Amino acid sequence: MSTSPRAPLRASRPAPGELRLGMVVFDRQCDLAAEIVGFAGPMVRVVRPTGLHWQTHRVSLRPATPYEERQLAALAALHRTRLKGR
């Protein structure tokens, strides 16, 4: 029987150092993807491209998947287009 080192399992929530400004995250409480715009102690301020913003506990956030990042980018493009009146 061979013993090979296993890769450590990734926790379902990010460590405090993993979150950074501008990062796209998914808030499990609100069930929405958003971008981090600030930190206030254990709370994180996030915003959607439409202007919706809120604070949430950092433990309810996880990094967004590539699919969720694309959804957020598409929402931003749609919002910009609608603001132009098209």
Protein backbone atom coordinates (compact mmCIF):
# COMPACT_ATOMS: atom_id res chain seq x y z
CA MET A 1 0.00 0.00 0.00
CA SER A 2 1.55 3.31 -1.05
CA THR A 3 1.01 6.51 0.80
CA SER A 4 0.78 9.54 -1.37
CA PRO A 5 0.29 13.01 0.02
CA ARG A 6 -3.19 14.30 -0.56
CA ALA A 7 -3.96 17.84 -1.49
CA PRO A 8 -5.62 19.69 1.38
CA LEU A 9 -9.37 20.05 1.01
CA ARG A 10 -10.45 23.59 0.23
CA ALA A 11 -12.82 25.05 2.76
CA SER A 12 -16.20 26.14 1.46
CA ARG A 13 -15.63 29.65 2.77
CA PRO A 14 -12.63 31.84 2.05
CA ALA A 15 -10.03 32.69 4.65
CA PRO A 16 -9.91 36.38 5.62
CA GLY A 17 -6.87 37.01 3.43
CA GLU A 18 -8.55 35.51 0.36
CA LEU A 19 -11.08 38.31 0.02
CA ARG A 20 -9.89 41.48 -1.71
CA LEU A 21 -11.35 44.66 -3.17
CA GLY A 22 -12.77 44.20 -6.65
CA MET A 23 -13.18 40.45 -6.22
CA VAL A 24 -16.40 38.90 -7.53
CA VAL A 25 -18.04 36.79 -4.84
CA PHE A 26 -21.29 34.91 -4.31
CA ASP A 27 -23.34 35.78 -1.23
CA ARG A 28 -25.07 32.61 -0.03
CA GLN A 29 -27.53 34.56 2.15
CA CYS A 30 -28.86 36.71 -0.70
CA ASP A 31 -28.18 34.12 -3.40
CA LEU A 32 -26.51 36.80 -5.55
CA ALA A 33 -23.11 37.45 -7.10
CA ALA A 34 -21.55 40.85 -6.41
CA GLU A 35 -18.24 42.72 -6.32
CA ILE A 36 -16.45 43.59 -3.06
CA VAL A 37 -16.16 47.34 -2.52
CA GLY A 38 -15.12 47.51 1.14
CA PHE A 39 -14.57 45.91 4.53
CA ALA A 40 -15.88 46.88 7.96
CA GLY A 41 -14.67 44.44 10.61
CA PRO A 42 -16.34 41.07 10.03
CA MET A 43 -18.67 42.63 7.46
CA VAL A 44 -17.99 43.01 3.75
CA ARG A 45 -19.63 45.66 1.55
CA VAL A 46 -20.65 44.37 -1.87
CA VAL A 47 -22.34 45.94 -4.88
CA ARG A 48 -24.10 44.75 -8.03
CA PRO A 49 -23.73 46.53 -11.40
CA THR A 50 -27.27 47.91 -11.02
CA GLY A 51 -26.25 49.84 -7.90
CA LEU A 52 -27.79 47.48 -5.38
CA HIS A 53 -25.41 47.33 -2.42
CA TRP A 54 -25.43 45.63 0.97
CA GLN A 55 -23.24 44.41 3.80
CA THR A 56 -22.85 40.77 4.62
CA HIS A 57 -20.77 38.59 6.92
CA ARG A 58 -17.59 37.37 5.26
CA VAL A 59 -18.46 33.76 6.19
CA SER A 60 -21.49 33.86 3.89
CA LEU A 61 -19.28 34.68 0.88
CA ARG A 62 -17.46 32.38 -1.48
CA PRO A 63 -15.47 33.17 -4.62
CA ALA A 64 -17.74 33.36 -7.65
CA THR A 65 -17.53 30.64 -10.26
CA PRO A 66 -16.52 31.62 -13.81
CA TYR A 67 -20.20 31.25 -14.79
CA GLU A 68 -21.30 33.67 -12.05
CA GLU A 69 -18.59 36.13 -13.10
CA ARG A 70 -19.88 36.03 -16.68
CA GLN A 71 -23.45 36.56 -15.44
CA LEU A 72 -22.36 39.64 -13.49
CA ALA A 73 -20.49 41.02 -16.52
CA ALA A 74 -23.55 40.45 -18.72
CA LEU A 75 -25.75 42.21 -16.18
CA ALA A 76 -23.34 45.16 -16.16
CA ALA A 77 -23.44 45.37 -19.97
CA LEU A 78 -27.25 45.20 -19.99
CA HIS A 79 -27.49 47.88 -17.31
CA ARG A 80 -25.14 50.22 -19.23
CA THR A 81 -27.21 49.70 -22.39
CA ARG A 82 -30.45 50.47 -20.60
CA LEU A 83 -28.99 53.60 -19.05
CA LYS A 84 -28.18 54.84 -22.56
CA GLY A 85 -31.87 54.48 -23.42
CA ARG A 86 -31.60 51.76 -26.00
